[in-house]
C-alpha atoms as a PDB file:
ATOM      1  CA  MET A   1       3.745 -26.605  24.394  1.00  0.00           C
ATOM      2  CA  LEU A   2       3.599 -23.681  26.857  1.00  0.00           C
ATOM      3  CA  ALA A   3       6.632 -22.001  25.294  1.00  0.00           C
ATOM      4  CA  GLY A   4       5.083 -22.337  21.834  1.00  0.00           C
ATOM      5  CA  CYS A   5       1.815 -20.752  22.944  1.00  0.00           C
ATOM      6  CA  LEU A   6       3.661 -17.895  24.630  1.00  0.00           C
ATOM      7  CA  ALA A   7       5.771 -17.291  21.502  1.00  0.00           C
ATOM      8  CA  LEU A   8       2.627 -17.285  19.332  1.00  0.00           C
ATOM      9  CA  LEU A   9       0.931 -14.775  21.638  1.00  0.00           C
ATOM     10  CA  SER A  10       4.068 -12.653  21.441  1.00  0.00           C
ATOM     11  CA  ALA A  11       3.928 -12.745  17.637  1.00  0.00           C
ATOM     12  CA  ALA A  12       0.255 -11.751  17.467  1.00  0.00           C
ATOM     13  CA  THR A  13       0.496  -8.891  19.961  1.00  0.00           C
ATOM     14  CA  PHE A  14       3.697  -7.607  18.348  1.00  0.00           C
ATOM     15  CA  ALA A  15       2.003  -7.529  14.939  1.00  0.00           C
ATOM     16  CA  LEU A  16      -1.015  -5.668  16.338  1.00  0.00           C
ATOM     17  CA  ASN A  17       1.396  -3.275  18.041  1.00  0.00           C
ATOM     18  CA  ASN A  18       2.998  -2.490  14.678  1.00  0.00           C
ATOM     19  CA  ALA A  19      -0.379  -1.790  13.084  1.00  0.00           C
ATOM     20  CA  SER A  20      -1.336   0.496  15.986  1.00  0.00           C
ATOM     21  CA  LEU A  21       1.987   2.285  15.785  1.00  0.00           C
ATOM     22  CA  ARG A  22       1.466   2.839  12.057  1.00  0.00           C
ATOM     23  CA  ARG A  23      -1.798   4.644  12.821  1.00  0.00           C
ATOM     24  CA  GLY A  24      -0.020   6.794  15.386  1.00  0.00           C
ATOM     25  CA  VAL A  25       2.860   7.961  13.188  1.00  0.00           C
ATOM     26  CA  LEU A  26       0.456   9.087  10.471  1.00  0.00           C
ATOM     27  CA  THR A  27      -0.059  12.279  12.483  1.00  0.00           C
ATOM     28  CA  GLY A  28       2.623  12.044  15.183  1.00  0.00           C
ATOM     29  CA  SER A  29       6.415  12.084  15.032  1.00  0.00           C
ATOM     30  CA  VAL A  30       8.824   9.234  15.743  1.00  0.00           C
ATOM     31  CA  TRP A  31      10.149  11.095  18.775  1.00  0.00           C
ATOM     32  CA  GLN A  32       6.621  11.477  20.181  1.00  0.00           C
ATOM     33  CA  ALA A  33       6.116   7.746  19.750  1.00  0.00           C
ATOM     34  CA  MET A  34       9.355   7.003  21.605  1.00  0.00           C
ATOM     35  CA  ALA A  35       8.542   9.475  24.387  1.00  0.00           C
ATOM     36  CA  ILE A  36       5.314   7.590  25.104  1.00  0.00           C
ATOM     37  CA  THR A  37       6.136   3.953  24.410  1.00  0.00           C
ATOM     38  CA  VAL A  38       9.524   3.677  26.141  1.00  0.00           C
ATOM     39  CA  PRO A  39       8.737   5.121  29.613  1.00  0.00           C
ATOM     40  CA  LEU A  40       5.271   3.522  29.842  1.00  0.00           C
ATOM     41  CA  GLY A  41       6.697   0.040  29.342  1.00  0.00           C
ATOM     42  CA  LEU A  42       8.410   0.137  32.741  1.00  0.00           C
ATOM     43  CA  PRO A  43       5.264   0.494  34.914  1.00  0.00           C
ATOM     44  CA  VAL A  44       3.560  -2.221  32.871  1.00  0.00           C
ATOM     45  CA  PHE A  45       6.337  -4.711  33.650  1.00  0.00           C
ATOM     46  CA  PHE A  46       6.542  -3.477  37.261  1.00  0.00           C
ATOM     47  CA  PHE A  47       2.871  -4.148  38.007  1.00  0.00           C
ATOM     48  CA  VAL A  48       2.957  -7.506  36.228  1.00  0.00           C
ATOM     49  CA  ALA A  49       5.996  -8.500  38.302  1.00  0.00           C
ATOM     50  CA  LEU A  50       4.354  -7.190  41.475  1.00  0.00           C
ATOM     51  CA  PHE A  51       1.046  -9.007  41.047  1.00  0.00           C
ATOM     52  CA  SER A  52       2.677 -12.204  39.779  1.00  0.00           C
ATOM     53  CA  GLY A  53       4.939 -12.352  42.832  1.00  0.00           C
ATOM     54  CA  THR A  54       8.127 -12.293  40.761  1.00  0.00           C
ATOM     55  CA  LEU A  55       9.323  -8.804  41.685  1.00  0.00           C
ATOM     56  CA  GLY A  56      11.761 -10.211  44.234  1.00  0.00           C
ATOM     57  CA  ALA A  57      13.561 -12.081  41.470  1.00  0.00           C
ATOM     58  CA  VAL A  58      15.137  -8.771  40.426  1.00  0.00           C
ATOM     59  CA  ALA A  59      17.439  -9.012  43.454  1.00  0.00           C
ATOM     60  CA  ASP A  60      18.504 -12.530  42.447  1.00  0.00           C
ATOM     61  CA  PHE A  61      20.232 -11.328  39.300  1.00  0.00           C
ATOM     62  CA  SER A  62      23.982 -10.922  39.482  1.00  0.00           C
ATOM     63  CA  LEU A  63      25.652  -7.658  38.458  1.00  0.00           C
ATOM     64  CA  HIS A  64      26.692  -9.433  35.268  1.00  0.00           C
ATOM     65  CA  SER A  65      23.057 -10.255  34.501  1.00  0.00           C
ATOM     66  CA  TRP A  66      21.972  -6.703  35.244  1.00  0.00           C
ATOM     67  CA  LEU A  67      24.497  -5.358  32.773  1.00  0.00           C
ATOM     68  CA  ILE A  68      23.539  -7.841  30.057  1.00  0.00           C
ATOM     69  CA  LEU A  69      19.769  -7.419  30.512  1.00  0.00           C
ATOM     70  CA  GLY A  70      20.181  -3.656  30.656  1.00  0.00           C
ATOM     71  CA  SER A  71      22.167  -3.714  27.438  1.00  0.00           C
ATOM     72  CA  SER A  72      19.496  -5.843  25.774  1.00  0.00           C
ATOM     73  CA  GLY A  73      16.868  -3.278  26.790  1.00  0.00           C
ATOM     74  CA  ILE A  74      18.824  -0.354  25.358  1.00  0.00           C
ATOM     75  CA  LEU A  75      19.510  -2.186  22.099  1.00  0.00           C
ATOM     76  CA  HIS A  76      15.950  -3.421  21.700  1.00  0.00           C
ATOM     77  CA  PHE A  77      13.771  -0.680  23.156  1.00  0.00           C
ATOM     78  CA  ILE A  78      15.870   2.356  22.166  1.00  0.00           C
ATOM     79  CA  TRP A  79      17.978   1.548  19.104  1.00  0.00           C
ATOM     80  CA  GLY A  80      15.827  -1.158  17.513  1.00  0.00           C
ATOM     81  CA  ARG A  81      12.543   0.579  18.267  1.00  0.00           C
ATOM     82  CA  TYR A  82      13.629   4.007  17.031  1.00  0.00           C
ATOM     83  CA  CYS A  83      14.878   2.561  13.746  1.00  0.00           C
ATOM     84  CA  ASN A  84      11.727   0.459  13.455  1.00  0.00           C
ATOM     85  CA  TYR A  85       9.540   3.525  13.941  1.00  0.00           C
ATOM     86  CA  ARG A  86      11.497   5.463  11.298  1.00  0.00           C
ATOM     87  CA  ALA A  87      11.168   2.564   8.862  1.00  0.00           C
ATOM     88  CA  THR A  88       7.458   2.113   9.585  1.00  0.00           C
ATOM     89  CA  ARG A  89       6.769   5.792   9.028  1.00  0.00           C
ATOM     90  CA  ALA A  90       8.713   5.712   5.733  1.00  0.00           C
ATOM     91  CA  ILE A  91       7.455   2.533   4.051  1.00  0.00           C
ATOM     92  CA  GLY A  92       4.793   1.041   6.315  1.00  0.00           C
ATOM     93  CA  THR A  93       4.861  -2.091   8.426  1.00  0.00           C
ATOM     94  CA  ASN A  94       4.151  -4.487   5.543  1.00  0.00           C
ATOM     95  CA  LEU A  95       7.326  -3.578   3.658  1.00  0.00           C
ATOM     96  CA  THR A  96       9.390  -3.216   6.826  1.00  0.00           C
ATOM     97  CA  ALA A  97       8.665  -6.756   8.023  1.00  0.00           C
ATOM     98  CA  PRO A  98      10.477  -8.783   5.294  1.00  0.00           C
ATOM     99  CA  ILE A  99      13.609  -6.635   5.571  1.00  0.00           C
ATOM    100  CA  GLN A 100      13.694  -6.967   9.354  1.00  0.00           C
ATOM    101  CA  GLN A 101      13.991 -10.726   8.986  1.00  0.00           C
ATOM    102  CA  VAL A 102      17.693  -9.963   8.557  1.00  0.00           C
ATOM    103  CA  ASN A 103      17.785  -9.828  12.369  1.00  0.00           C
ATOM    104  CA  LEU A 104      17.802 -13.636  12.333  1.00  0.00           C
ATOM    105  CA  ILE A 105      21.059 -13.566  10.383  1.00  0.00           C
ATOM    106  CA  VAL A 106      22.475 -11.212  13.022  1.00  0.00           C
ATOM    107  CA  SER A 107      21.295 -13.560  15.787  1.00  0.00           C
ATOM    108  CA  LEU A 108      22.717 -16.595  13.982  1.00  0.00           C
ATOM    109  CA  THR A 109      26.099 -14.924  13.477  1.00  0.00           C
ATOM    110  CA  LEU A 110      26.303 -14.055  17.167  1.00  0.00           C
ATOM    111  CA  ALA A 111      25.113 -17.525  18.139  1.00  0.00           C
ATOM    112  CA  ILE A 112      28.007 -19.020  16.139  1.00  0.00           C
ATOM    113  CA  ILE A 113      30.539 -16.623  17.664  1.00  0.00           C
ATOM    114  CA  VAL A 114      29.250 -16.382  21.245  1.00  0.00           C
ATOM    115  CA  LEU A 115      27.298 -19.576  21.860  1.00  0.00           C
ATOM    116  CA  GLY A 116      29.387 -21.923  19.723  1.00  0.00           C
ATOM    117  CA  GLU A 117      26.607 -22.876  17.307  1.00  0.00           C
ATOM    118  CA  THR A 118      27.362 -23.981  13.720  1.00  0.00           C
ATOM    119  CA  LEU A 119      26.336 -23.102  10.173  1.00  0.00           C
ATOM    120  CA  THR A 120      24.358 -25.888   8.465  1.00  0.00           C
ATOM    121  CA  PRO A 121      22.891 -26.340   4.956  1.00  0.00           C
ATOM    122  CA  LEU A 122      19.442 -25.434   6.257  1.00  0.00           C
ATOM    123  CA  ARG A 123      20.780 -22.215   7.691  1.00  0.00           C
ATOM    124  CA  VAL A 124      22.548 -21.374   4.440  1.00  0.00           C
ATOM    125  CA  LEU A 125      19.214 -21.893   2.658  1.00  0.00           C
ATOM    126  CA  GLY A 126      17.501 -19.749   5.298  1.00  0.00           C
ATOM    127  CA  ILE A 127      19.960 -16.890   4.787  1.00  0.00           C
ATOM    128  CA  ALA A 128      19.366 -16.992   1.029  1.00  0.00           C
ATOM    129  CA  LEU A 129      15.572 -16.893   1.466  1.00  0.00           C
ATOM    130  CA  VAL A 130      15.709 -14.128   4.078  1.00  0.00           C
ATOM    131  CA  LEU A 131      17.773 -12.009   1.694  1.00  0.00           C
ATOM    132  CA  ALA A 132      15.533 -12.832  -1.285  1.00  0.00           C
ATOM    133  CA  GLY A 133      12.280 -11.959   0.506  1.00  0.00           C
ATOM    134  CA  PRO A 134      12.786  -8.173   0.611  1.00  0.00           C
ATOM    135  CA  TYR A 135      13.710  -8.164  -3.090  1.00  0.00           C
ATOM    136  CA  PHE A 136      10.288  -9.502  -4.051  1.00  0.00           C
ATOM    137  CA  ALA A 137       8.463  -7.367  -1.485  1.00  0.00           C
ATOM    138  CA  MET A 138      10.129  -4.167  -2.682  1.00  0.00           C
ATOM    139  CA  ARG A 139       9.063  -4.824  -6.278  1.00  0.00           C
ATOM    140  CA  SER A 140       5.425  -4.320  -5.302  1.00  0.00           C
ATOM    141  CA  ASN A 141       3.897  -0.929  -6.033  1.00  0.00           C
ATOM    142  CA  LYS A 142       7.239   0.589  -6.989  1.00  0.00           C
ATOM    143  CA  LYS A 143       6.247   1.741 -10.445  1.00  0.00           C
ATOM    144  CA  PRO A 144       6.743   5.481 -10.801  1.00  0.00           C
ATOM    145  CA  VAL A 145       3.715   7.545 -11.729  1.00  0.00           C
ATOM    146  CA  VAL A 146       4.567  10.436 -14.083  1.00  0.00           C
ATOM    147  CA  LYS A 147       1.915  13.004 -14.943  1.00  0.00           C
ATOM    148  CA  THR A 148       2.013  16.112 -17.068  1.00  0.00           C
ATOM    149  CA  ILE A 149       0.905  19.483 -15.708  1.00  0.00           C
ATOM    150  CA  ALA A 150      -2.265  19.240 -17.771  1.00  0.00           C
ATOM    151  CA  GLU A 151      -3.083  15.783 -16.391  1.00  0.00           C
ATOM    152  CA  GLU A 152      -2.523  16.958 -12.809  1.00  0.00           C
ATOM    153  CA  ALA A 153      -4.773  19.960 -13.362  1.00  0.00           C
ATOM    154  CA  ALA A 154      -7.492  17.741 -14.839  1.00  0.00           C
ATOM    155  CA  ALA A 155      -7.240  15.321 -11.926  1.00  0.00           C
ATOM    156  CA  ALA A 156      -7.476  18.180  -9.425  1.00  0.00           C
ATOM    157  CA  SER A 157     -10.641  19.503 -11.085  1.00  0.00           C
ATOM    158  CA  GLU A 158     -12.284  16.083 -10.759  1.00  0.00           C
ATOM    159  CA  VAL A 159     -11.781  15.744  -7.013  1.00  0.00           C
ATOM    160  CA  ASP A 160     -14.847  14.449  -5.247  1.00  0.00           C
ATOM    161  CA  PRO A 161     -15.869  16.902  -2.478  1.00  0.00           C
ATOM    162  CA  GLU A 162     -16.786  13.990  -0.223  1.00  0.00           C
ATOM    163  CA  THR A 163     -13.215  12.612  -0.368  1.00  0.00           C
ATOM    164  CA  ALA A 164     -11.381  15.935  -0.419  1.00  0.00           C
ATOM    165  CA  ASP A 165     -10.483  15.688   3.276  1.00  0.00           C
ATOM    166  CA  GLU A 166      -9.050  12.179   2.992  1.00  0.00           C
ATOM    167  CA  PRO A 167      -5.252  11.817   3.219  1.00  0.00           C
ATOM    168  CA  PRO A 168      -3.328  11.473  -0.077  1.00  0.00           C
ATOM    169  CA  PRO A 169      -2.353   7.973  -1.279  1.00  0.00           C
ATOM    170  CA  PHE A 170       0.541   6.455   0.620  1.00  0.00           C
ATOM    171  CA  VAL A 171       3.865   6.867  -1.218  1.00  0.00           C
ATOM    172  CA  PRO A 172       6.693   4.840   0.395  1.00  0.00           C
ATOM    173  CA  LYS A 173      10.099   6.453   0.945  1.00  0.00           C
ATOM    174  CA  TYR A 174      12.096   3.392   0.002  1.00  0.00           C
ATOM    175  CA  THR A 175      15.655   4.551   0.731  1.00  0.00           C
ATOM    176  CA  GLU A 176      14.888   5.731   4.258  1.00  0.00           C
ATOM    177  CA  GLY A 177      12.707   2.713   4.952  1.00  0.00           C
ATOM    178  CA  ILE A 178      15.253   0.133   3.797  1.00  0.00           C
ATOM    179  CA  ILE A 179      18.132   1.734   5.721  1.00  0.00           C
ATOM    180  CA  PHE A 180      16.257   1.971   9.006  1.00  0.00           C
ATOM    181  CA  SER A 181      14.705  -1.483   8.613  1.00  0.00           C
ATOM    182  CA  ILE A 182      18.209  -2.965   8.379  1.00  0.00           C
ATOM    183  CA  LEU A 183      19.419  -0.852  11.311  1.00  0.00           C
ATOM    184  CA  SER A 184      16.482  -1.973  13.442  1.00  0.00           C
ATOM    185  CA  ALA A 185      17.343  -5.585  12.579  1.00  0.00           C
ATOM    186  CA  THR A 186      20.717  -5.149  14.277  1.00  0.00           C
ATOM    187  CA  GLY A 187      19.093  -4.210  17.569  1.00  0.00           C
ATOM    188  CA  TYR A 188      16.392  -6.856  17.323  1.00  0.00           C
ATOM    189  CA  GLY A 189      18.974  -9.463  16.299  1.00  0.00           C
ATOM    190  CA  VAL A 190      21.399  -8.917  19.176  1.00  0.00           C
ATOM    191  CA  SER A 191      18.850  -8.586  21.997  1.00  0.00           C
ATOM    192  CA  PRO A 192      17.598 -12.243  22.021  1.00  0.00           C
ATOM    193  CA  ILE A 193      21.154 -13.476  22.564  1.00  0.00           C
ATOM    194  CA  LEU A 194      21.622 -11.034  25.439  1.00  0.00           C
ATOM    195  CA  ILE A 195      18.276 -11.957  26.989  1.00  0.00           C
ATOM    196  CA  ARG A 196      19.165 -15.641  26.936  1.00  0.00           C
ATOM    197  CA  LEU A 197      22.561 -14.928  28.536  1.00  0.00           C
ATOM    198  CA  GLY A 198      21.175 -12.466  31.068  1.00  0.00           C
ATOM    199  CA  LEU A 199      18.424 -14.731  32.397  1.00  0.00           C
ATOM    200  CA  GLU A 200      21.097 -17.298  33.296  1.00  0.00           C
ATOM    201  CA  GLY A 201      18.636 -20.165  32.984  1.00  0.00           C
ATOM    202  CA  LYS A 202      16.664 -19.048  36.051  1.00  0.00           C
ATOM    203  CA  GLY A 203      13.367 -20.170  34.561  1.00  0.00           C
ATOM    204  CA  LEU A 204       9.918 -18.714  34.006  1.00  0.00           C
ATOM    205  CA  HIS A 205       9.670 -16.844  37.315  1.00  0.00           C
ATOM    206  CA  ALA A 206      12.666 -14.660  36.443  1.00  0.00           C
ATOM    207  CA  SER A 207      11.523 -13.708  32.946  1.00  0.00           C
ATOM    208  CA  VAL A 208       9.186 -10.904  34.046  1.00  0.00           C
ATOM    209  CA  ALA A 209      11.827  -9.520  36.396  1.00  0.00           C
ATOM    210  CA  GLY A 210      14.363  -9.695  33.570  1.00  0.00           C
ATOM    211  CA  GLY A 211      12.043  -7.725  31.322  1.00  0.00           C
ATOM    212  CA  MET A 212      11.634  -5.091  34.024  1.00  0.00           C
ATOM    213  CA  VAL A 213      15.424  -4.749  34.334  1.00  0.00           C
ATOM    214  CA  ALA A 214      15.672  -4.285  30.558  1.00  0.00           C
ATOM    215  CA  TYR A 215      12.941  -1.626  30.574  1.00  0.00           C
ATOM    216  CA  LEU A 216      14.477   0.097  33.600  1.00  0.00           C
ATOM    217  CA  ALA A 217      17.820   0.480  31.829  1.00  0.00           C
ATOM    218  CA  SER A 218      16.254   1.631  28.566  1.00  0.00           C
ATOM    219  CA  THR A 219      14.001   4.164  30.326  1.00  0.00           C
ATOM    220  CA  ALA A 220      16.920   5.638  32.284  1.00  0.00           C
ATOM    221  CA  PHE A 221      18.985   5.832  29.098  1.00  0.00           C
ATOM    222  CA  PHE A 222      16.104   7.421  27.201  1.00  0.00           C
ATOM    223  CA  MET A 223      15.644  10.133  29.837  1.00  0.00           C
ATOM    224  CA  LEU A 224      19.061  11.487  28.854  1.00  0.00           C
ATOM    225  CA  PHE A 225      17.689  12.262  25.390  1.00  0.00           C
ATOM    226  CA  MET A 226      14.739  14.068  26.939  1.00  0.00           C
ATOM    227  CA  LEU A 227      17.207  16.695  28.199  1.00  0.00           C
ATOM    228  CA  TRP A 228      17.951  17.758  24.627  1.00  0.00           C
ATOM    229  CA  PRO A 229      16.436  21.228  23.980  1.00  0.00           C
ATOM    230  CA  GLY A 230      12.945  21.073  22.519  1.00  0.00           C
ATOM    231  CA  ARG A 231      12.384  17.356  23.075  1.00  0.00           C
ATOM    232  CA  ILE A 232      10.048  17.708  26.043  1.00  0.00           C
ATOM    233  CA  ARG A 233       8.047  20.392  24.239  1.00  0.00           C
ATOM    234  CA  GLU A 234       7.699  18.159  21.168  1.00  0.00           C
ATOM    235  CA  ALA A 235       6.513  15.248  23.294  1.00  0.00           C
ATOM    236  CA  LEU A 236       3.871  17.419  24.991  1.00  0.00           C
ATOM    237  CA  GLN A 237       2.520  18.500  21.609  1.00  0.00           C
ATOM    238  CA  THR A 238       1.352  14.990  20.699  1.00  0.00           C
ATOM    239  CA  ASP A 239      -2.218  15.219  19.390  1.00  0.00           C
ATOM    240  CA  ARG A 240      -5.028  13.192  20.902  1.00  0.00           C
ATOM    241  CA  GLU A 241      -5.337  10.739  17.984  1.00  0.00           C
ATOM    242  CA  SER A 242      -1.627   9.852  17.993  1.00  0.00           C
ATOM    243  CA  LEU A 243      -1.617   9.641  21.791  1.00  0.00           C
ATOM    244  CA  LYS A 244      -4.419   7.066  21.668  1.00  0.00           C
ATOM    245  CA  TRP A 245      -2.633   4.809  19.185  1.00  0.00           C
ATOM    246  CA  PHE A 246       0.773   5.185  20.839  1.00  0.00           C
ATOM    247  CA  THR A 247      -0.760   4.192  24.199  1.00  0.00           C
ATOM    248  CA  ILE A 248      -2.406   1.134  22.658  1.00  0.00           C
ATOM    249  CA  SER A 249       0.914   0.309  21.005  1.00  0.00           C
ATOM    250  CA  VAL A 250       2.905   0.435  24.245  1.00  0.00           C
ATOM    251  CA  LEU A 251       0.432  -1.854  26.016  1.00  0.00           C
ATOM    252  CA  LEU A 252       0.593  -4.348  23.155  1.00  0.00           C
ATOM    253  CA  VAL A 253       4.383  -4.279  22.782  1.00  0.00           C
ATOM    254  CA  SER A 254       4.778  -4.696  26.560  1.00  0.00           C
ATOM    255  CA  LEU A 255       2.561  -7.774  26.434  1.00  0.00           C
ATOM    256  CA  SER A 256       4.516  -9.046  23.442  1.00  0.00           C
ATOM    257  CA  GLN A 257       7.847  -8.644  25.226  1.00  0.00           C
ATOM    258  CA  LEU A 258       6.410 -10.216  28.370  1.00  0.00           C
ATOM    259  CA  PHE A 259       5.285 -13.291  26.444  1.00  0.00           C
ATOM    260  CA  LEU A 260       8.646 -13.458  24.649  1.00  0.00           C
ATOM    261  CA  PHE A 261      10.676 -13.216  27.859  1.00  0.00           C
ATOM    262  CA  MET A 262       8.553 -15.976  29.391  1.00  0.00           C
ATOM    263  CA  ALA A 263       8.939 -18.204  26.323  1.00  0.00           C
ATOM    264  CA  GLN A 264      12.704 -17.708  26.108  1.00  0.00           C
ATOM    265  CA  SER A 265      13.121 -18.445  29.802  1.00  0.00           C
ATOM    266  CA  ILE A 266      11.770 -21.993  29.439  1.00  0.00           C
ATOM    267  CA  ALA A 267      12.798 -22.903  25.882  1.00  0.00           C
ATOM    268  CA  PRO A 268      15.830 -22.306  23.659  1.00  0.00           C
ATOM    269  CA  VAL A 269      15.824 -19.553  21.045  1.00  0.00           C
ATOM    270  CA  ALA A 270      15.742 -22.254  18.336  1.00  0.00           C
ATOM    271  CA  VAL A 271      12.234 -23.166  19.523  1.00  0.00           C
ATOM    272  CA  THR A 272      10.763 -19.731  20.202  1.00  0.00           C
ATOM    273  CA  ALA A 273      12.325 -17.817  17.276  1.00  0.00           C
ATOM    274  CA  PRO A 274      10.502 -19.567  14.383  1.00  0.00           C
ATOM    275  CA  ILE A 275       7.137 -19.252  16.132  1.00  0.00           C
ATOM    276  CA  SER A 276       7.676 -15.587  16.914  1.00  0.00           C
ATOM    277  CA  ARG A 277       8.405 -15.072  13.195  1.00  0.00           C
ATOM    278  CA  MET A 278       4.693 -15.674  12.596  1.00  0.00           C
ATOM    279  CA  SER A 279       4.223 -11.999  13.447  1.00  0.00           C
ATOM    280  CA  ILE A 280       5.114 -11.234   9.829  1.00  0.00           C
ATOM    281  CA  LEU A 281       1.891 -12.955   8.725  1.00  0.00           C
ATOM    282  CA  PHE A 282      -0.189 -11.429  11.513  1.00  0.00           C
ATOM    283  CA  ARG A 283       1.003  -8.011  10.306  1.00  0.00           C
ATOM    284  CA  LEU A 284      -0.684  -8.501   6.934  1.00  0.00           C
ATOM    285  CA  TYR A 285      -4.051  -9.116   8.583  1.00  0.00           C
ATOM    286  CA  PHE A 286      -3.851  -6.304  11.127  1.00  0.00           C
ATOM    287  CA  SER A 287      -2.537  -3.861   8.509  1.00  0.00           C
ATOM    288  CA  ARG A 288      -5.486  -4.638   6.266  1.00  0.00           C
ATOM    289  CA  LEU A 289      -7.809  -4.194   9.250  1.00  0.00           C
ATOM    290  CA  LEU A 290      -6.418  -0.924  10.653  1.00  0.00           C
ATOM    291  CA  ASN A 291      -4.444   0.734   7.847  1.00  0.00           C
ATOM    292  CA  PRO A 292      -5.854  -0.308   4.463  1.00  0.00           C
ATOM    293  CA  LYS A 293      -4.992   3.070   2.873  1.00  0.00           C
ATOM    294  CA  HIS A 294      -1.587   3.536   4.480  1.00  0.00           C
ATOM    295  CA  GLU A 295       0.198   0.307   3.614  1.00  0.00           C
ATOM    296  CA  VAL A 296       1.508  -1.408   0.491  1.00  0.00           C
ATOM    297  CA  PHE A 297      -0.481  -4.506  -0.461  1.00  0.00           C
ATOM    298  CA  GLY A 298      -0.152  -6.789  -3.464  1.00  0.00           C
ATOM    299  CA  GLY A 299       0.981 -10.159  -4.726  1.00  0.00           C
ATOM    300  CA  GLN A 300       4.702  -9.347  -4.846  1.00  0.00           C
ATOM    301  CA  MET A 301       4.671  -8.065  -1.275  1.00  0.00           C
ATOM    302  CA  ILE A 302       2.888 -11.201  -0.040  1.00  0.00           C
ATOM    303  CA  VAL A 303       5.317 -13.441  -1.959  1.00  0.00           C
ATOM    304  CA  GLY A 304       8.269 -11.611  -0.429  1.00  0.00           C
ATOM    305  CA  THR A 305       6.750 -11.938   3.027  1.00  0.00           C
ATOM    306  CA  ILE A 306       6.211 -15.679   2.653  1.00  0.00           C
ATOM    307  CA  ILE A 307       9.744 -16.199   1.274  1.00  0.00           C
ATOM    308  CA  SER A 308      11.170 -14.330   4.263  1.00  0.00           C
ATOM    309  CA  LEU A 309       9.081 -16.426   6.634  1.00  0.00           C
ATOM    310  CA  LEU A 310      10.303 -19.664   5.023  1.00  0.00           C
ATOM    311  CA  GLY A 311      13.854 -18.410   5.384  1.00  0.00           C
ATOM    312  CA  ALA A 312      13.248 -17.659   9.049  1.00  0.00           C
ATOM    313  CA  LEU A 313      11.917 -21.162   9.602  1.00  0.00           C
ATOM    314  CA  ALA A 314      14.900 -22.702   7.786  1.00  0.00           C
ATOM    315  CA  LEU A 315      17.281 -20.718   9.985  1.00  0.00           C
ATOM    316  CA  THR A 316      15.815 -22.081  13.184  1.00  0.00           C
ATOM    317  CA  VAL A 317      14.530 -25.578  12.375  1.00  0.00           C
ATOM    318  CA  SER A 318      16.405 -28.574  13.734  1.00  0.00           C
ATOM    319  CA  VAL A 319      18.515 -30.578  11.268  1.00  0.00           C
ATOM    320  CA  ASP A 320      17.610 -33.778  13.119  1.00  0.00           C
ATOM    321  CA  SER A 321      13.887 -33.212  12.620  1.00  0.00           C
ATOM    322  CA  ILE A 322      14.377 -32.835   8.863  1.00  0.00           C
ATOM    323  CA  GLY A 323      16.898 -35.659   8.544  1.00  0.00           C
ATOM    324  CA  ALA A 324      14.535 -38.214  10.056  1.00  0.00           C
ATOM    325  CA  SER A 325      12.166 -37.873   7.089  1.00  0.00           C
ATOM    326  CA  LEU A 326      14.788 -37.948   4.293  1.00  0.00           C
ATOM    327  CA  PRO A 327      16.659 -40.872   2.657  1.00  0.00           C
ATOM    328  CA  GLU A 328      20.013 -42.001   4.036  1.00  0.00           C
ATOM    329  CA  SER A 329      21.798 -40.569   0.986  1.00  0.00           C
ATOM    330  CA  TRP A 330      20.890 -37.065   2.157  1.00  0.00           C
ATOM    331  CA  GLN A 331      22.499 -37.440   5.572  1.00  0.00           C
ATOM    332  CA  PRO A 332      26.064 -36.397   4.573  1.00  0.00           C
ATOM    333  CA  VAL A 333      24.685 -33.149   3.124  1.00  0.00           C
ATOM    334  CA  LEU A 334      22.492 -32.423   6.143  1.00  0.00           C
ATOM    335  CA  ASN A 335      25.271 -33.249   8.579  1.00  0.00           C
ATOM    336  CA  TRP A 336      27.682 -30.784   7.020  1.00  0.00           C
ATOM    337  CA  HIS A 337      28.467 -27.861   9.294  1.00  0.00           C
ATOM    338  CA  TRP A 338      30.843 -24.968   9.715  1.00  0.00           C
ATOM    339  CA  PRO A 339      32.924 -24.488  11.729  1.00  0.00           C
END
């Protein structure tokens, strides 16, 4: 019950983080977002570990755990986050979410190879749904709008002075968005496996310390990129509006990761993963609340989102829980597995 609540809190705060980030990248760059959100995550985890009395657990990790947790931080907070920010800026968080469900396929593949798990009919169904979801989502609002020069001139002459200062309608950059959504899924798909291995079953008290180790490694790695000419100057040029939303985003994503680390420390990924997938539905609500003019909405997008969510649930649900409610004739099919 506790793990489920923590995973649900992680999903909600992660979705709100994505909506806040979307507001930030409307006027700020992806690099500016990274320069604020990555380093600020470390002090958040440090103070949580300090006040919760779990800071000493950092010393209990073996060198092997340090390396694994550090690698998970770099993959998740640097690679996955950068690609996620690029995708969000290109096509918005609503269209990014269904594509990023591919990270479950990455996690499942690694679980089969590394953890010795098997492929079942439910997981095959889940893979099919996860891959079908983005197809339906991408069909929404993708109709090209072609206007003649005369039509454009007429439209320009009819501009309402009261709305002249409003930003132009959001036009998704589909190619860039799809590519970086898939790339972000690789980082987000590998990191849960590494987190589970790195925590070494130490329990809830070590989860915050593990998150701090991951942020420490990612922050140190990120500082190397800050040495690139012009990067510091670009980060310092972040405008006040973007700075506000990026700061809110880092606080929310830190809370989300904290809840996720805690959930995964006391329950297997098969339990926490499907609940954390609920973030894809929370995103729709928060996007409508914060970014109604800068996201793609519509029936096809919602259908694609729901299909992806069903696929995520099928990938992580227990075969035994389904088999108990089906006739005996279904058991040979459900019990099939590979390898």
